[in-house]
PDB file of N, CA and C in Angstrom:
ATOM      1  N   MET A   1       4.339 -11.421   2.543  1.00  0.00           N
ATOM      2  CA  MET A   1       4.006 -12.056   3.788  1.00  0.00           C
ATOM      3  C   MET A   1       2.512 -11.842   4.041  1.00  0.00           C
ATOM      4  N   VAL A   2       1.830 -12.907   4.381  1.00  0.00           N
ATOM      5  CA  VAL A   2       0.417 -12.870   4.748  1.00  0.00           C
ATOM      6  C   VAL A   2       0.309 -13.337   6.190  1.00  0.00           C
ATOM      7  N   ILE A   3      -0.416 -12.590   6.996  1.00  0.00           N
ATOM      8  CA  ILE A   3      -0.573 -12.927   8.408  1.00  0.00           C
ATOM      9  C   ILE A   3      -2.011 -13.329   8.674  1.00  0.00           C
ATOM     10  N   PHE A   4      -2.168 -14.470   9.344  1.00  0.00           N
ATOM     11  CA  PHE A   4      -3.467 -14.927   9.821  1.00  0.00           C
ATOM     12  C   PHE A   4      -3.435 -14.803  11.330  1.00  0.00           C
ATOM     13  N   SER A   5      -4.412 -14.085  11.885  1.00  0.00           N
ATOM     14  CA  SER A   5      -4.419 -13.894  13.328  1.00  0.00           C
ATOM     15  C   SER A   5      -5.837 -13.707  13.841  1.00  0.00           C
ATOM     16  N   SER A   6      -6.033 -14.082  15.073  1.00  0.00           N
ATOM     17  CA  SER A   6      -7.315 -13.809  15.727  1.00  0.00           C
ATOM     18  C   SER A   6      -7.253 -12.454  16.434  1.00  0.00           C
ATOM     19  N   LEU A   7      -6.082 -11.838  16.472  1.00  0.00           N
ATOM     20  CA  LEU A   7      -5.904 -10.533  17.095  1.00  0.00           C
ATOM     21  C   LEU A   7      -6.163  -9.438  16.074  1.00  0.00           C
ATOM     22  N   GLU A   8      -7.014  -8.489  16.428  1.00  0.00           N
ATOM     23  CA  GLU A   8      -7.363  -7.412  15.497  1.00  0.00           C
ATOM     24  C   GLU A   8      -7.060  -6.031  16.067  1.00  0.00           C
ATOM     25  N   ASN A   9      -6.149  -5.968  17.004  1.00  0.00           N
ATOM     26  CA  ASN A   9      -5.752  -4.696  17.575  1.00  0.00           C
ATOM     27  C   ASN A   9      -5.189  -3.811  16.465  1.00  0.00           C
ATOM     28  N   PRO A  10      -5.742  -2.603  16.275  1.00  0.00           N
ATOM     29  CA  PRO A  10      -5.292  -1.727  15.182  1.00  0.00           C
ATOM     30  C   PRO A  10      -3.788  -1.446  15.183  1.00  0.00           C
ATOM     31  N   ASP A  11      -3.189  -1.291  16.364  1.00  0.00           N
ATOM     32  CA  ASP A  11      -1.751  -1.033  16.431  1.00  0.00           C
ATOM     33  C   ASP A  11      -0.946  -2.240  15.966  1.00  0.00           C
ATOM     34  N   LEU A  12      -1.396  -3.426  16.333  1.00  0.00           N
ATOM     35  CA  LEU A  12      -0.727  -4.654  15.914  1.00  0.00           C
ATOM     36  C   LEU A  12      -0.848  -4.840  14.398  1.00  0.00           C
ATOM     37  N   VAL A  13      -2.039  -4.597  13.871  1.00  0.00           N
ATOM     38  CA  VAL A  13      -2.271  -4.714  12.430  1.00  0.00           C
ATOM     39  C   VAL A  13      -1.392  -3.713  11.677  1.00  0.00           C
ATOM     40  N   ARG A  14      -1.378  -2.481  12.135  1.00  0.00           N
ATOM     41  CA  ARG A  14      -0.562  -1.438  11.502  1.00  0.00           C
ATOM     42  C   ARG A  14       0.915  -1.820  11.525  1.00  0.00           C
ATOM     43  N   SER A  15       1.377  -2.342  12.650  1.00  0.00           N
ATOM     44  CA  SER A  15       2.773  -2.768  12.766  1.00  0.00           C
ATOM     45  C   SER A  15       3.104  -3.876  11.775  1.00  0.00           C
ATOM     46  N   ALA A  16       2.179  -4.793  11.593  1.00  0.00           N
ATOM     47  CA  ALA A  16       2.401  -5.885  10.645  1.00  0.00           C
ATOM     48  C   ALA A  16       2.544  -5.355   9.219  1.00  0.00           C
ATOM     49  N   TYR A  17       1.668  -4.428   8.836  1.00  0.00           N
ATOM     50  CA  TYR A  17       1.767  -3.833   7.497  1.00  0.00           C
ATOM     51  C   TYR A  17       3.070  -3.049   7.335  1.00  0.00           C
ATOM     52  N   LEU A  18       3.439  -2.293   8.356  1.00  0.00           N
ATOM     53  CA  LEU A  18       4.677  -1.521   8.284  1.00  0.00           C
ATOM     54  C   LEU A  18       5.905  -2.423   8.212  1.00  0.00           C
ATOM     55  N   ALA A  19       5.792  -3.634   8.750  1.00  0.00           N
ATOM     56  CA  ALA A  19       6.892  -4.603   8.703  1.00  0.00           C
ATOM     57  C   ALA A  19       6.946  -5.346   7.374  1.00  0.00           C
ATOM     58  N   GLY A  20       5.974  -5.084   6.482  1.00  0.00           N
ATOM     59  CA  GLY A  20       6.027  -5.690   5.156  1.00  0.00           C
ATOM     60  C   GLY A  20       4.922  -6.661   4.814  1.00  0.00           C
ATOM     61  N   ALA A  21       3.967  -6.839   5.697  1.00  0.00           N
ATOM     62  CA  ALA A  21       2.862  -7.750   5.392  1.00  0.00           C
ATOM     63  C   ALA A  21       2.061  -7.222   4.203  1.00  0.00           C
ATOM     64  N   LYS A  22       1.684  -8.106   3.306  1.00  0.00           N
ATOM     65  CA  LYS A  22       0.820  -7.734   2.183  1.00  0.00           C
ATOM     66  C   LYS A  22      -0.641  -7.797   2.601  1.00  0.00           C
ATOM     67  N   LEU A  23      -0.964  -8.749   3.468  1.00  0.00           N
ATOM     68  CA  LEU A  23      -2.328  -8.904   3.980  1.00  0.00           C
ATOM     69  C   LEU A  23      -2.285  -9.307   5.440  1.00  0.00           C
ATOM     70  N   TYR A  24      -3.230  -8.821   6.193  1.00  0.00           N
ATOM     71  CA  TYR A  24      -3.446  -9.234   7.577  1.00  0.00           C
ATOM     72  C   TYR A  24      -4.871  -9.762   7.609  1.00  0.00           C
ATOM     73  N   LEU A  25      -4.991 -11.073   7.702  1.00  0.00           N
ATOM     74  CA  LEU A  25      -6.293 -11.718   7.588  1.00  0.00           C
ATOM     75  C   LEU A  25      -6.786 -12.243   8.923  1.00  0.00           C
ATOM     76  N   LYS A  26      -8.096 -12.128   9.103  1.00  0.00           N
ATOM     77  CA  LYS A  26      -8.731 -12.719  10.285  1.00  0.00           C
ATOM     78  C   LYS A  26      -8.662 -14.229  10.162  1.00  0.00           C
ATOM     79  N   LYS A  27      -8.250 -14.875  11.232  1.00  0.00           N
ATOM     80  CA  LYS A  27      -8.200 -16.323  11.245  1.00  0.00           C
ATOM     81  C   LYS A  27      -9.631 -16.855  11.185  1.00  0.00           C
ATOM     82  N   PRO A  28      -9.884 -17.837  10.310  1.00  0.00           N
ATOM     83  CA  PRO A  28     -11.240 -18.392  10.237  1.00  0.00           C
ATOM     84  C   PRO A  28     -11.673 -18.983  11.578  1.00  0.00           C
ATOM     85  N   ARG A  29     -12.957 -18.874  11.843  1.00  0.00           N
ATOM     86  CA  ARG A  29     -13.498 -19.394  13.105  1.00  0.00           C
ATOM     87  C   ARG A  29     -13.997 -20.830  12.966  1.00  0.00           C
ATOM     88  N   ALA A  30     -14.444 -21.183  11.780  1.00  0.00           N
ATOM     89  CA  ALA A  30     -14.981 -22.522  11.546  1.00  0.00           C
ATOM     90  C   ALA A  30     -14.054 -23.297  10.612  1.00  0.00           C
ATOM     91  N   LEU A  31     -13.978 -24.578  10.812  1.00  0.00           N
ATOM     92  CA  LEU A  31     -13.105 -25.440  10.015  1.00  0.00           C
ATOM     93  C   LEU A  31     -13.402 -25.322   8.521  1.00  0.00           C
ATOM     94  N   GLU A  32     -14.676 -25.208   8.160  1.00  0.00           N
ATOM     95  CA  GLU A  32     -15.055 -25.115   6.746  1.00  0.00           C
ATOM     96  C   GLU A  32     -14.474 -23.871   6.080  1.00  0.00           C
ATOM     97  N   GLU A  33     -14.272 -22.816   6.859  1.00  0.00           N
ATOM     98  CA  GLU A  33     -13.755 -21.561   6.308  1.00  0.00           C
ATOM     99  C   GLU A  33     -12.304 -21.680   5.863  1.00  0.00           C
ATOM    100  N   TYR A  34     -11.608 -22.713   6.299  1.00  0.00           N
ATOM    101  CA  TYR A  34     -10.230 -22.911   5.843  1.00  0.00           C
ATOM    102  C   TYR A  34     -10.186 -23.311   4.370  1.00  0.00           C
ATOM    103  N   ASN A  35     -11.323 -23.739   3.824  1.00  0.00           N
ATOM    104  CA  ASN A  35     -11.390 -23.975   2.374  1.00  0.00           C
ATOM    105  C   ASN A  35     -11.135 -22.674   1.629  1.00  0.00           C
ATOM    106  N   ASP A  36     -11.643 -21.567   2.158  1.00  0.00           N
ATOM    107  CA  ASP A  36     -11.403 -20.266   1.534  1.00  0.00           C
ATOM    108  C   ASP A  36      -9.926 -19.887   1.618  1.00  0.00           C
ATOM    109  N   VAL A  37      -9.276 -20.246   2.717  1.00  0.00           N
ATOM    110  CA  VAL A  37      -7.846 -19.973   2.859  1.00  0.00           C
ATOM    111  C   VAL A  37      -7.074 -20.742   1.793  1.00  0.00           C
ATOM    112  N   ALA A  38      -7.422 -22.012   1.608  1.00  0.00           N
ATOM    113  CA  ALA A  38      -6.761 -22.825   0.585  1.00  0.00           C
ATOM    114  C   ALA A  38      -7.003 -22.253  -0.808  1.00  0.00           C
ATOM    115  N   LYS A  39      -8.218 -21.811  -1.059  1.00  0.00           N
ATOM    116  CA  LYS A  39      -8.554 -21.214  -2.356  1.00  0.00           C
ATOM    117  C   LYS A  39      -7.757 -19.931  -2.578  1.00  0.00           C
ATOM    118  N   LEU A  40      -7.653 -19.113  -1.549  1.00  0.00           N
ATOM    119  CA  LEU A  40      -6.878 -17.883  -1.654  1.00  0.00           C
ATOM    120  C   LEU A  40      -5.415 -18.190  -1.963  1.00  0.00           C
ATOM    121  N   CYS A  41      -4.860 -19.168  -1.288  1.00  0.00           N
ATOM    122  CA  CYS A  41      -3.457 -19.540  -1.526  1.00  0.00           C
ATOM    123  C   CYS A  41      -3.260 -20.084  -2.934  1.00  0.00           C
ATOM    124  N   ALA A  42      -4.209 -20.873  -3.412  1.00  0.00           N
ATOM    125  CA  ALA A  42      -4.085 -21.494  -4.722  1.00  0.00           C
ATOM    126  C   ALA A  42      -4.320 -20.529  -5.867  1.00  0.00           C
ATOM    127  N   THR A  43      -5.270 -19.632  -5.713  1.00  0.00           N
ATOM    128  CA  THR A  43      -5.647 -18.769  -6.838  1.00  0.00           C
ATOM    129  C   THR A  43      -5.191 -17.329  -6.703  1.00  0.00           C
ATOM    130  N   GLY A  44      -4.848 -16.909  -5.496  1.00  0.00           N
ATOM    131  CA  GLY A  44      -4.559 -15.497  -5.296  1.00  0.00           C
ATOM    132  C   GLY A  44      -3.123 -15.153  -4.993  1.00  0.00           C
ATOM    133  N   ALA A  45      -2.232 -16.129  -4.986  1.00  0.00           N
ATOM    134  CA  ALA A  45      -0.851 -15.866  -4.591  1.00  0.00           C
ATOM    135  C   ALA A  45      -0.204 -14.776  -5.439  1.00  0.00           C
ATOM    136  N   GLU A  46      -0.351 -14.855  -6.742  1.00  0.00           N
ATOM    137  CA  GLU A  46       0.281 -13.874  -7.625  1.00  0.00           C
ATOM    138  C   GLU A  46      -0.315 -12.478  -7.403  1.00  0.00           C
ATOM    139  N   ALA A  47      -1.626 -12.409  -7.273  1.00  0.00           N
ATOM    140  CA  ALA A  47      -2.286 -11.117  -7.038  1.00  0.00           C
ATOM    141  C   ALA A  47      -1.836 -10.514  -5.706  1.00  0.00           C
ATOM    142  N   ILE A  48      -1.660 -11.339  -4.703  1.00  0.00           N
ATOM    143  CA  ILE A  48      -1.211 -10.851  -3.395  1.00  0.00           C
ATOM    144  C   ILE A  48       0.212 -10.322  -3.502  1.00  0.00           C
ATOM    145  N   ARG A  49       1.080 -11.037  -4.217  1.00  0.00           N
ATOM    146  CA  ARG A  49       2.464 -10.583  -4.387  1.00  0.00           C
ATOM    147  C   ARG A  49       2.537  -9.212  -5.049  1.00  0.00           C
ATOM    148  N   GLU A  50       1.609  -8.939  -5.954  1.00  0.00           N
ATOM    149  CA  GLU A  50       1.633  -7.695  -6.720  1.00  0.00           C
ATOM    150  C   GLU A  50       1.008  -6.506  -5.985  1.00  0.00           C
ATOM    151  N   LEU A  51       0.375  -6.748  -4.859  1.00  0.00           N
ATOM    152  CA  LEU A  51      -0.271  -5.657  -4.133  1.00  0.00           C
ATOM    153  C   LEU A  51       0.748  -4.678  -3.578  1.00  0.00           C
ATOM    154  N   PRO A  52       0.575  -3.399  -3.882  1.00  0.00           N
ATOM    155  CA  PRO A  52       1.440  -2.409  -3.218  1.00  0.00           C
ATOM    156  C   PRO A  52       0.954  -2.213  -1.791  1.00  0.00           C
ATOM    157  N   ALA A  53       1.856  -1.978  -0.908  1.00  0.00           N
ATOM    158  CA  ALA A  53       1.490  -1.823   0.505  1.00  0.00           C
ATOM    159  C   ALA A  53       0.469  -0.706   0.711  1.00  0.00           C
ATOM    160  N   SER A  54       0.543   0.341  -0.062  1.00  0.00           N
ATOM    161  CA  SER A  54      -0.365   1.475   0.133  1.00  0.00           C
ATOM    162  C   SER A  54      -1.800   1.159  -0.280  1.00  0.00           C
ATOM    163  N   ALA A  55      -2.026   0.067  -1.009  1.00  0.00           N
ATOM    164  CA  ALA A  55      -3.366  -0.284  -1.468  1.00  0.00           C
ATOM    165  C   ALA A  55      -4.141  -1.086  -0.436  1.00  0.00           C
ATOM    166  N   ILE A  56      -3.502  -1.496   0.616  1.00  0.00           N
ATOM    167  CA  ILE A  56      -4.120  -2.363   1.618  1.00  0.00           C
ATOM    168  C   ILE A  56      -4.640  -1.521   2.774  1.00  0.00           C
ATOM    169  N   PRO A  57      -5.909  -1.729   3.161  1.00  0.00           N
ATOM    170  CA  PRO A  57      -6.419  -1.001   4.326  1.00  0.00           C
ATOM    171  C   PRO A  57      -5.697  -1.467   5.590  1.00  0.00           C
ATOM    172  N   LEU A  58      -5.493  -0.566   6.500  1.00  0.00           N
ATOM    173  CA  LEU A  58      -4.826  -0.939   7.744  1.00  0.00           C
ATOM    174  C   LEU A  58      -5.841  -1.525   8.713  1.00  0.00           C
ATOM    175  N   GLY A  59      -6.294  -2.710   8.379  1.00  0.00           N
ATOM    176  CA  GLY A  59      -7.233  -3.426   9.228  1.00  0.00           C
ATOM    177  C   GLY A  59      -7.204  -4.891   8.876  1.00  0.00           C
ATOM    178  N   ALA A  60      -7.679  -5.723   9.779  1.00  0.00           N
ATOM    179  CA  ALA A  60      -7.749  -7.152   9.518  1.00  0.00           C
ATOM    180  C   ALA A  60      -8.871  -7.416   8.524  1.00  0.00           C
ATOM    181  N   LEU A  61      -8.587  -8.212   7.523  1.00  0.00           N
ATOM    182  CA  LEU A  61      -9.551  -8.501   6.472  1.00  0.00           C
ATOM    183  C   LEU A  61     -10.077  -9.920   6.589  1.00  0.00           C
ATOM    184  N   ASP A  62     -11.279 -10.107   6.119  1.00  0.00           N
ATOM    185  CA  ASP A  62     -11.899 -11.419   6.039  1.00  0.00           C
ATOM    186  C   ASP A  62     -11.412 -12.099   4.761  1.00  0.00           C
ATOM    187  N   VAL A  63     -11.111 -13.402   4.817  1.00  0.00           N
ATOM    188  CA  VAL A  63     -10.599 -14.137   3.658  1.00  0.00           C
ATOM    189  C   VAL A  63     -11.575 -14.048   2.488  1.00  0.00           C
ATOM    190  N   LYS A  64     -12.870 -14.184   2.744  1.00  0.00           N
ATOM    191  CA  LYS A  64     -13.859 -14.082   1.663  1.00  0.00           C
ATOM    192  C   LYS A  64     -13.807 -12.717   0.981  1.00  0.00           C
ATOM    193  N   ARG A  65     -13.600 -11.673   1.755  1.00  0.00           N
ATOM    194  CA  ARG A  65     -13.510 -10.322   1.182  1.00  0.00           C
ATOM    195  C   ARG A  65     -12.306 -10.213   0.250  1.00  0.00           C
ATOM    196  N   VAL A  66     -11.182 -10.779   0.656  1.00  0.00           N
ATOM    197  CA  VAL A  66      -9.984 -10.730  -0.178  1.00  0.00           C
ATOM    198  C   VAL A  66     -10.199 -11.523  -1.462  1.00  0.00           C
ATOM    199  N   LEU A  67     -10.840 -12.688  -1.368  1.00  0.00           N
ATOM    200  CA  LEU A  67     -11.144 -13.470  -2.575  1.00  0.00           C
ATOM    201  C   LEU A  67     -12.000 -12.659  -3.536  1.00  0.00           C
ATOM    202  N   LYS A  68     -13.006 -11.956  -3.022  1.00  0.00           N
ATOM    203  CA  LYS A  68     -13.854 -11.116  -3.873  1.00  0.00           C
ATOM    204  C   LYS A  68     -13.052  -9.985  -4.502  1.00  0.00           C
ATOM    205  N   MET A  69     -12.172  -9.348  -3.731  1.00  0.00           N
ATOM    206  CA  MET A  69     -11.352  -8.267  -4.250  1.00  0.00           C
ATOM    207  C   MET A  69     -10.474  -8.766  -5.392  1.00  0.00           C
ATOM    208  N   ILE A  70      -9.859  -9.922  -5.212  1.00  0.00           N
ATOM    209  CA  ILE A  70      -8.975 -10.480  -6.239  1.00  0.00           C
ATOM    210  C   ILE A  70      -9.771 -10.848  -7.482  1.00  0.00           C
ATOM    211  N   ASN A  71     -10.916 -11.471  -7.300  1.00  0.00           N
ATOM    212  CA  ASN A  71     -11.743 -11.862  -8.446  1.00  0.00           C
ATOM    213  C   ASN A  71     -12.262 -10.645  -9.193  1.00  0.00           C
ATOM    214  N   ASN A  72     -12.655  -9.593  -8.483  1.00  0.00           N
ATOM    215  CA  ASN A  72     -13.116  -8.362  -9.134  1.00  0.00           C
ATOM    216  C   ASN A  72     -12.011  -7.726  -9.957  1.00  0.00           C
ATOM    217  N   ASP A  73     -10.780  -7.726  -9.448  1.00  0.00           N
ATOM    218  CA  ASP A  73      -9.652  -7.163 -10.187  1.00  0.00           C
ATOM    219  C   ASP A  73      -9.393  -7.956 -11.469  1.00  0.00           C
ATOM    220  N   ARG A  74      -9.501  -9.257 -11.399  1.00  0.00           N
ATOM    221  CA  ARG A  74      -9.260 -10.094 -12.583  1.00  0.00           C
ATOM    222  C   ARG A  74     -10.306  -9.827 -13.649  1.00  0.00           C
ATOM    223  N   HIS A  75     -11.569  -9.626 -13.240  1.00  0.00           N
ATOM    224  CA  HIS A  75     -12.640  -9.394 -14.209  1.00  0.00           C
ATOM    225  C   HIS A  75     -12.539  -8.012 -14.854  1.00  0.00           C
ATOM    226  N   SER A  76     -11.889  -7.092 -14.154  1.00  0.00           N
ATOM    227  CA  SER A  76     -11.763  -5.738 -14.697  1.00  0.00           C
ATOM    228  C   SER A  76     -10.591  -5.600 -15.665  1.00  0.00           C
ATOM    229  N   LEU A  77      -9.730  -6.607 -15.727  1.00  0.00           N
ATOM    230  CA  LEU A  77      -8.572  -6.546 -16.639  1.00  0.00           C
ATOM    231  C   LEU A  77      -8.973  -6.762 -18.080  1.00  0.00           C
TER     232      LEU A  77
END
């Protein structure tokens, strides 16, 4: 489960992860930034599925940051 939200309350984010979320992402502010969301869905779905819950920081992440994390992991394989 991936959550997109404009809410970044630490307790809410923590609750989402404890409920099984793999990622809690900040909702993009600009329409163009949804291209990154589409890219993440298209190229990162498998990597997101494989993430252990303990590897995810308990905070809202930026979509671009997650794309970089996924790409860095692929290059290190």
